[in-house]
Amino acid sequence: MSDLTQAHCEACRADAPHVSEDELASLLKQIPDWSVETREGVLQLEKTFTFKNFRQALAFTQAVGAIAEAEGHHPSLLTEWGKVTVTWWTHKIRGLHRNDFIMAARTDQVAERPGV
């Protein structure tokens, strides 16, 4: 289990620092199946999860929504038949913060739950 799953998000301000290149490399090792995407100059973490049907994809979406709401940190969620694409980034800083890696690790935990 990743240490990230035990951490909590910290309140983020507009002047909070982005993760450094060294931090990025280290944190990505803890969530190896996630990719870093750049959209409109903003680094984002992204992963697509697959499911047997829409019902399971929707249940996963709702479970990720629940952990996001509990931490006050919200992803972009694209729910389709048999898959959900989850994208984490910190809007206030227009990039990646440690919070995004915490939530990506927790998203992986949600995907491992039976019945999701």
N, C-alpha and C. Protein backbone atom coordinates (compact mmCIF):
# COMPACT_ATOMS: atom_id res chain seq x y z
N MET A 1 0.85 -1.18 0.00
CA MET A 1 0.00 0.00 0.00
C MET A 1 0.89 1.25 0.00
N SER A 2 0.53 2.20 -0.78
CA SER A 2 1.27 3.44 -0.89
C SER A 2 1.08 4.31 0.35
N ASP A 3 2.15 4.97 0.76
CA ASP A 3 2.05 5.94 1.85
C ASP A 3 1.06 7.05 1.50
N LEU A 4 0.90 7.30 0.23
CA LEU A 4 -0.01 8.35 -0.21
C LEU A 4 -1.45 8.08 0.23
N THR A 5 -1.83 6.82 0.31
CA THR A 5 -3.21 6.50 0.66
C THR A 5 -3.52 6.84 2.11
N GLN A 6 -2.48 6.98 2.93
CA GLN A 6 -2.67 7.30 4.34
C GLN A 6 -2.63 8.81 4.60
N ALA A 7 -2.22 9.58 3.61
CA ALA A 7 -2.10 11.03 3.76
C ALA A 7 -3.43 11.72 3.50
N HIS A 8 -3.54 12.94 3.95
CA HIS A 8 -4.73 13.75 3.70
C HIS A 8 -4.33 14.98 2.90
N CYS A 9 -5.27 15.48 2.13
CA CYS A 9 -5.02 16.68 1.35
C CYS A 9 -4.92 17.88 2.28
N GLU A 10 -4.05 18.79 1.91
CA GLU A 10 -3.95 20.03 2.66
C GLU A 10 -4.68 21.12 1.88
N ALA A 11 -5.18 22.09 2.60
CA ALA A 11 -5.86 23.20 1.93
C ALA A 11 -4.86 23.85 0.98
N CYS A 12 -5.30 24.11 -0.22
CA CYS A 12 -4.40 24.64 -1.24
C CYS A 12 -4.74 26.09 -1.54
N ARG A 13 -3.71 26.90 -1.63
CA ARG A 13 -3.88 28.32 -1.96
C ARG A 13 -3.36 28.55 -3.39
N ALA A 14 -3.72 29.67 -3.94
CA ALA A 14 -3.29 29.99 -5.31
C ALA A 14 -1.77 30.11 -5.42
N ASP A 15 -1.10 30.40 -4.29
CA ASP A 15 0.36 30.53 -4.32
C ASP A 15 1.08 29.26 -3.84
N ALA A 16 0.34 28.16 -3.69
CA ALA A 16 0.95 26.89 -3.28
C ALA A 16 1.92 26.42 -4.37
N PRO A 17 2.99 25.77 -3.98
CA PRO A 17 3.97 25.33 -4.98
C PRO A 17 3.49 24.10 -5.75
N HIS A 18 3.86 24.07 -7.03
CA HIS A 18 3.66 22.87 -7.84
C HIS A 18 4.68 21.83 -7.35
N VAL A 19 4.43 20.56 -7.65
CA VAL A 19 5.45 19.57 -7.35
C VAL A 19 6.66 19.84 -8.24
N SER A 20 7.84 19.65 -7.67
CA SER A 20 9.07 19.84 -8.45
C SER A 20 9.27 18.63 -9.37
N GLU A 21 10.23 18.72 -10.27
CA GLU A 21 10.51 17.60 -11.17
C GLU A 21 10.94 16.37 -10.37
N ASP A 22 11.77 16.58 -9.33
CA ASP A 22 12.20 15.46 -8.49
C ASP A 22 11.02 14.84 -7.74
N GLU A 23 10.16 15.69 -7.19
CA GLU A 23 8.98 15.19 -6.49
C GLU A 23 8.07 14.43 -7.46
N LEU A 24 7.91 14.98 -8.65
CA LEU A 24 7.06 14.34 -9.66
C LEU A 24 7.55 12.92 -9.93
N ALA A 25 8.83 12.76 -10.16
CA ALA A 25 9.40 11.44 -10.46
C ALA A 25 9.19 10.49 -9.28
N SER A 26 9.41 10.96 -8.08
CA SER A 26 9.26 10.14 -6.88
C SER A 26 7.80 9.75 -6.65
N LEU A 27 6.90 10.71 -6.78
CA LEU A 27 5.48 10.44 -6.54
C LEU A 27 4.89 9.52 -7.61
N LEU A 28 5.33 9.66 -8.84
CA LEU A 28 4.82 8.80 -9.91
C LEU A 28 5.18 7.33 -9.68
N LYS A 29 6.29 7.09 -9.00
CA LYS A 29 6.67 5.71 -8.69
C LYS A 29 5.64 5.05 -7.78
N GLN A 30 4.94 5.86 -7.00
CA GLN A 30 3.94 5.33 -6.08
C GLN A 30 2.58 5.09 -6.76
N ILE A 31 2.40 5.66 -7.93
CA ILE A 31 1.16 5.46 -8.70
C ILE A 31 1.55 5.18 -10.16
N PRO A 32 2.23 4.05 -10.39
CA PRO A 32 2.86 3.80 -11.69
C PRO A 32 1.93 3.70 -12.89
N ASP A 33 0.67 3.41 -12.68
CA ASP A 33 -0.24 3.25 -13.82
C ASP A 33 -0.88 4.55 -14.27
N TRP A 34 -0.56 5.64 -13.61
CA TRP A 34 -1.11 6.94 -13.97
C TRP A 34 -0.17 7.61 -14.96
N SER A 35 -0.73 8.39 -15.87
CA SER A 35 0.09 9.14 -16.82
C SER A 35 -0.03 10.63 -16.53
N VAL A 36 0.98 11.36 -16.94
CA VAL A 36 0.96 12.82 -16.83
C VAL A 36 0.60 13.36 -18.20
N GLU A 37 -0.48 14.11 -18.25
CA GLU A 37 -0.94 14.73 -19.49
C GLU A 37 -0.81 16.24 -19.34
N THR A 38 -0.56 16.91 -20.45
CA THR A 38 -0.51 18.37 -20.44
C THR A 38 -1.64 18.88 -21.32
N ARG A 39 -2.51 19.69 -20.72
CA ARG A 39 -3.63 20.28 -21.45
C ARG A 39 -3.61 21.79 -21.21
N GLU A 40 -3.51 22.52 -22.29
CA GLU A 40 -3.46 23.98 -22.21
C GLU A 40 -2.38 24.43 -21.24
N GLY A 41 -1.24 23.74 -21.27
CA GLY A 41 -0.10 24.08 -20.43
C GLY A 41 -0.21 23.63 -18.98
N VAL A 42 -1.24 22.85 -18.65
CA VAL A 42 -1.48 22.42 -17.28
C VAL A 42 -1.19 20.92 -17.16
N LEU A 43 -0.26 20.56 -16.26
CA LEU A 43 0.02 19.15 -16.01
C LEU A 43 -1.12 18.53 -15.21
N GLN A 44 -1.53 17.32 -15.63
CA GLN A 44 -2.63 16.61 -14.98
C GLN A 44 -2.29 15.13 -14.90
N LEU A 45 -2.79 14.47 -13.85
CA LEU A 45 -2.66 13.02 -13.72
C LEU A 45 -3.92 12.38 -14.30
N GLU A 46 -3.74 11.29 -15.06
CA GLU A 46 -4.91 10.68 -15.68
C GLU A 46 -4.75 9.16 -15.76
N LYS A 47 -5.88 8.50 -15.56
CA LYS A 47 -5.92 7.04 -15.68
C LYS A 47 -7.33 6.63 -16.08
N THR A 48 -7.42 5.62 -16.95
CA THR A 48 -8.71 5.06 -17.35
C THR A 48 -8.87 3.70 -16.70
N PHE A 49 -10.00 3.53 -16.03
CA PHE A 49 -10.34 2.29 -15.35
C PHE A 49 -11.41 1.59 -16.18
N THR A 50 -11.32 0.27 -16.33
CA THR A 50 -12.30 -0.46 -17.12
C THR A 50 -13.17 -1.34 -16.22
N PHE A 51 -14.41 -1.53 -16.67
CA PHE A 51 -15.41 -2.29 -15.93
C PHE A 51 -16.21 -3.15 -16.88
N LYS A 52 -16.96 -4.09 -16.33
CA LYS A 52 -17.74 -5.02 -17.15
C LYS A 52 -18.98 -4.38 -17.76
N ASN A 53 -19.46 -3.29 -17.14
CA ASN A 53 -20.69 -2.69 -17.62
C ASN A 53 -20.81 -1.25 -17.11
N PHE A 54 -21.87 -0.61 -17.51
CA PHE A 54 -22.09 0.79 -17.11
C PHE A 54 -22.39 0.90 -15.61
N ARG A 55 -23.13 -0.05 -15.06
CA ARG A 55 -23.49 -0.02 -13.65
C ARG A 55 -22.23 0.01 -12.78
N GLN A 56 -21.25 -0.83 -13.09
CA GLN A 56 -20.00 -0.84 -12.32
C GLN A 56 -19.22 0.46 -12.51
N ALA A 57 -19.20 0.97 -13.73
CA ALA A 57 -18.51 2.23 -14.00
C ALA A 57 -19.15 3.37 -13.21
N LEU A 58 -20.47 3.38 -13.16
CA LEU A 58 -21.18 4.41 -12.42
C LEU A 58 -20.94 4.29 -10.92
N ALA A 59 -20.94 3.06 -10.41
CA ALA A 59 -20.66 2.85 -8.98
C ALA A 59 -19.26 3.35 -8.62
N PHE A 60 -18.29 3.09 -9.49
CA PHE A 60 -16.93 3.57 -9.28
C PHE A 60 -16.90 5.10 -9.28
N THR A 61 -17.58 5.70 -10.24
CA THR A 61 -17.65 7.16 -10.33
C THR A 61 -18.20 7.74 -9.03
N GLN A 62 -19.26 7.14 -8.52
CA GLN A 62 -19.86 7.64 -7.28
C GLN A 62 -18.92 7.45 -6.09
N ALA A 63 -18.20 6.34 -6.05
CA ALA A 63 -17.25 6.10 -4.96
C ALA A 63 -16.09 7.10 -5.01
N VAL A 64 -15.59 7.39 -6.20
CA VAL A 64 -14.53 8.40 -6.33
C VAL A 64 -15.07 9.77 -5.94
N GLY A 65 -16.30 10.06 -6.33
CA GLY A 65 -16.92 11.32 -5.93
C GLY A 65 -17.01 11.46 -4.42
N ALA A 66 -17.29 10.37 -3.74
CA ALA A 66 -17.40 10.40 -2.27
C ALA A 66 -16.05 10.69 -1.62
N ILE A 67 -14.96 10.08 -2.11
CA ILE A 67 -13.66 10.37 -1.50
C ILE A 67 -13.21 11.79 -1.85
N ALA A 68 -13.57 12.24 -3.02
CA ALA A 68 -13.23 13.61 -3.43
C ALA A 68 -13.94 14.62 -2.54
N GLU A 69 -15.21 14.38 -2.30
CA GLU A 69 -15.98 15.30 -1.45
C GLU A 69 -15.45 15.30 -0.02
N ALA A 70 -15.05 14.14 0.48
CA ALA A 70 -14.52 14.04 1.84
C ALA A 70 -13.23 14.84 2.01
N GLU A 71 -12.42 14.92 0.95
CA GLU A 71 -11.15 15.66 1.03
C GLU A 71 -11.27 17.08 0.49
N GLY A 72 -12.39 17.42 -0.12
CA GLY A 72 -12.53 18.76 -0.69
C GLY A 72 -11.63 18.98 -1.90
N HIS A 73 -11.35 17.90 -2.61
CA HIS A 73 -10.47 17.97 -3.79
C HIS A 73 -11.14 17.12 -4.87
N HIS A 74 -11.47 17.73 -6.00
CA HIS A 74 -12.36 17.10 -6.97
C HIS A 74 -11.71 16.90 -8.34
N PRO A 75 -11.90 15.71 -8.91
CA PRO A 75 -11.32 15.41 -10.22
C PRO A 75 -12.29 15.70 -11.36
N SER A 76 -11.79 15.51 -12.53
CA SER A 76 -12.64 15.42 -13.71
C SER A 76 -12.93 13.93 -13.88
N LEU A 77 -14.21 13.59 -14.05
CA LEU A 77 -14.62 12.19 -14.20
C LEU A 77 -15.42 12.05 -15.49
N LEU A 78 -14.96 11.19 -16.37
CA LEU A 78 -15.68 10.88 -17.60
C LEU A 78 -16.15 9.44 -17.50
N THR A 79 -17.45 9.26 -17.32
CA THR A 79 -18.03 7.93 -17.16
C THR A 79 -18.68 7.50 -18.48
N GLU A 80 -18.26 6.33 -18.95
CA GLU A 80 -18.78 5.78 -20.19
C GLU A 80 -19.15 4.32 -19.95
N TRP A 81 -19.73 3.68 -20.95
CA TRP A 81 -20.04 2.27 -20.80
C TRP A 81 -18.73 1.51 -20.63
N GLY A 82 -18.56 0.88 -19.45
CA GLY A 82 -17.40 0.03 -19.21
C GLY A 82 -16.10 0.72 -18.90
N LYS A 83 -16.12 2.04 -18.75
CA LYS A 83 -14.86 2.69 -18.37
C LYS A 83 -15.11 4.06 -17.76
N VAL A 84 -14.15 4.46 -16.94
CA VAL A 84 -14.17 5.78 -16.32
C VAL A 84 -12.76 6.35 -16.43
N THR A 85 -12.65 7.56 -16.96
CA THR A 85 -11.37 8.26 -17.01
C THR A 85 -11.37 9.28 -15.89
N VAL A 86 -10.35 9.19 -15.04
CA VAL A 86 -10.21 10.08 -13.88
C VAL A 86 -9.01 10.97 -14.12
N THR A 87 -9.20 12.27 -13.95
CA THR A 87 -8.13 13.24 -14.15
C THR A 87 -8.05 14.13 -12.91
N TRP A 88 -6.85 14.15 -12.30
CA TRP A 88 -6.61 14.98 -11.11
C TRP A 88 -5.61 16.08 -11.45
N TRP A 89 -5.91 17.28 -11.00
CA TRP A 89 -4.97 18.40 -11.00
C TRP A 89 -5.54 19.44 -10.05
N THR A 90 -4.71 20.37 -9.68
CA THR A 90 -5.16 21.39 -8.73
C THR A 90 -5.48 22.66 -9.50
N HIS A 91 -6.75 22.99 -9.53
CA HIS A 91 -7.22 24.13 -10.32
C HIS A 91 -6.60 25.44 -9.85
N LYS A 92 -6.49 25.63 -8.54
CA LYS A 92 -5.99 26.91 -8.02
C LYS A 92 -4.58 27.23 -8.48
N ILE A 93 -3.75 26.19 -8.67
CA ILE A 93 -2.37 26.46 -9.08
C ILE A 93 -2.14 26.10 -10.55
N ARG A 94 -3.20 25.64 -11.22
CA ARG A 94 -3.10 25.25 -12.62
C ARG A 94 -1.95 24.28 -12.86
N GLY A 95 -1.96 23.20 -12.06
CA GLY A 95 -0.93 22.18 -12.21
C GLY A 95 -1.04 21.12 -11.12
N LEU A 96 0.06 20.42 -10.92
CA LEU A 96 0.07 19.31 -9.98
C LEU A 96 0.61 19.69 -8.61
N HIS A 97 -0.11 19.25 -7.60
CA HIS A 97 0.24 19.44 -6.19
C HIS A 97 0.29 18.04 -5.58
N ARG A 98 0.91 17.88 -4.45
CA ARG A 98 0.96 16.57 -3.78
C ARG A 98 -0.45 16.01 -3.56
N ASN A 99 -1.43 16.88 -3.32
CA ASN A 99 -2.82 16.44 -3.14
C ASN A 99 -3.30 15.56 -4.29
N ASP A 100 -2.88 15.89 -5.50
CA ASP A 100 -3.33 15.13 -6.67
C ASP A 100 -2.82 13.70 -6.63
N PHE A 101 -1.62 13.52 -6.15
CA PHE A 101 -1.03 12.18 -6.05
C PHE A 101 -1.70 11.38 -4.92
N ILE A 102 -2.02 12.06 -3.83
CA ILE A 102 -2.77 11.42 -2.74
C ILE A 102 -4.09 10.90 -3.27
N MET A 103 -4.79 11.73 -4.01
CA MET A 103 -6.11 11.34 -4.50
C MET A 103 -6.02 10.28 -5.60
N ALA A 104 -4.97 10.32 -6.40
CA ALA A 104 -4.79 9.26 -7.41
C ALA A 104 -4.57 7.91 -6.71
N ALA A 105 -3.76 7.90 -5.67
CA ALA A 105 -3.53 6.65 -4.92
C ALA A 105 -4.82 6.16 -4.27
N ARG A 106 -5.60 7.08 -3.76
CA ARG A 106 -6.88 6.69 -3.16
C ARG A 106 -7.87 6.20 -4.22
N THR A 107 -7.80 6.75 -5.41
CA THR A 107 -8.65 6.30 -6.50
C THR A 107 -8.31 4.85 -6.84
N ASP A 108 -7.02 4.53 -6.86
CA ASP A 108 -6.61 3.15 -7.10
C ASP A 108 -7.18 2.23 -6.01
N GLN A 109 -7.19 2.69 -4.77
CA GLN A 109 -7.78 1.90 -3.68
C GLN A 109 -9.25 1.62 -3.92
N VAL A 110 -9.97 2.64 -4.37
CA VAL A 110 -11.40 2.48 -4.65
C VAL A 110 -11.59 1.41 -5.72
N ALA A 111 -10.75 1.42 -6.73
CA ALA A 111 -10.87 0.45 -7.83
C ALA A 111 -10.63 -0.98 -7.36
N GLU A 112 -9.90 -1.15 -6.28
CA GLU A 112 -9.61 -2.49 -5.76
C GLU A 112 -10.72 -3.04 -4.89
N ARG A 113 -11.68 -2.21 -4.50
CA ARG A 113 -12.78 -2.68 -3.64
C ARG A 113 -13.66 -3.68 -4.37
N PRO A 114 -14.07 -4.73 -3.68
CA PRO A 114 -14.98 -5.69 -4.30
C PRO A 114 -16.31 -5.00 -4.64
N GLY A 115 -16.85 -5.36 -5.78
CA GLY A 115 -18.15 -4.83 -6.17
C GLY A 115 -18.10 -3.49 -6.87
N VAL A 116 -16.91 -2.92 -6.99
CA VAL A 116 -16.80 -1.64 -7.71
C VAL A 116 -16.25 -1.93 -9.07
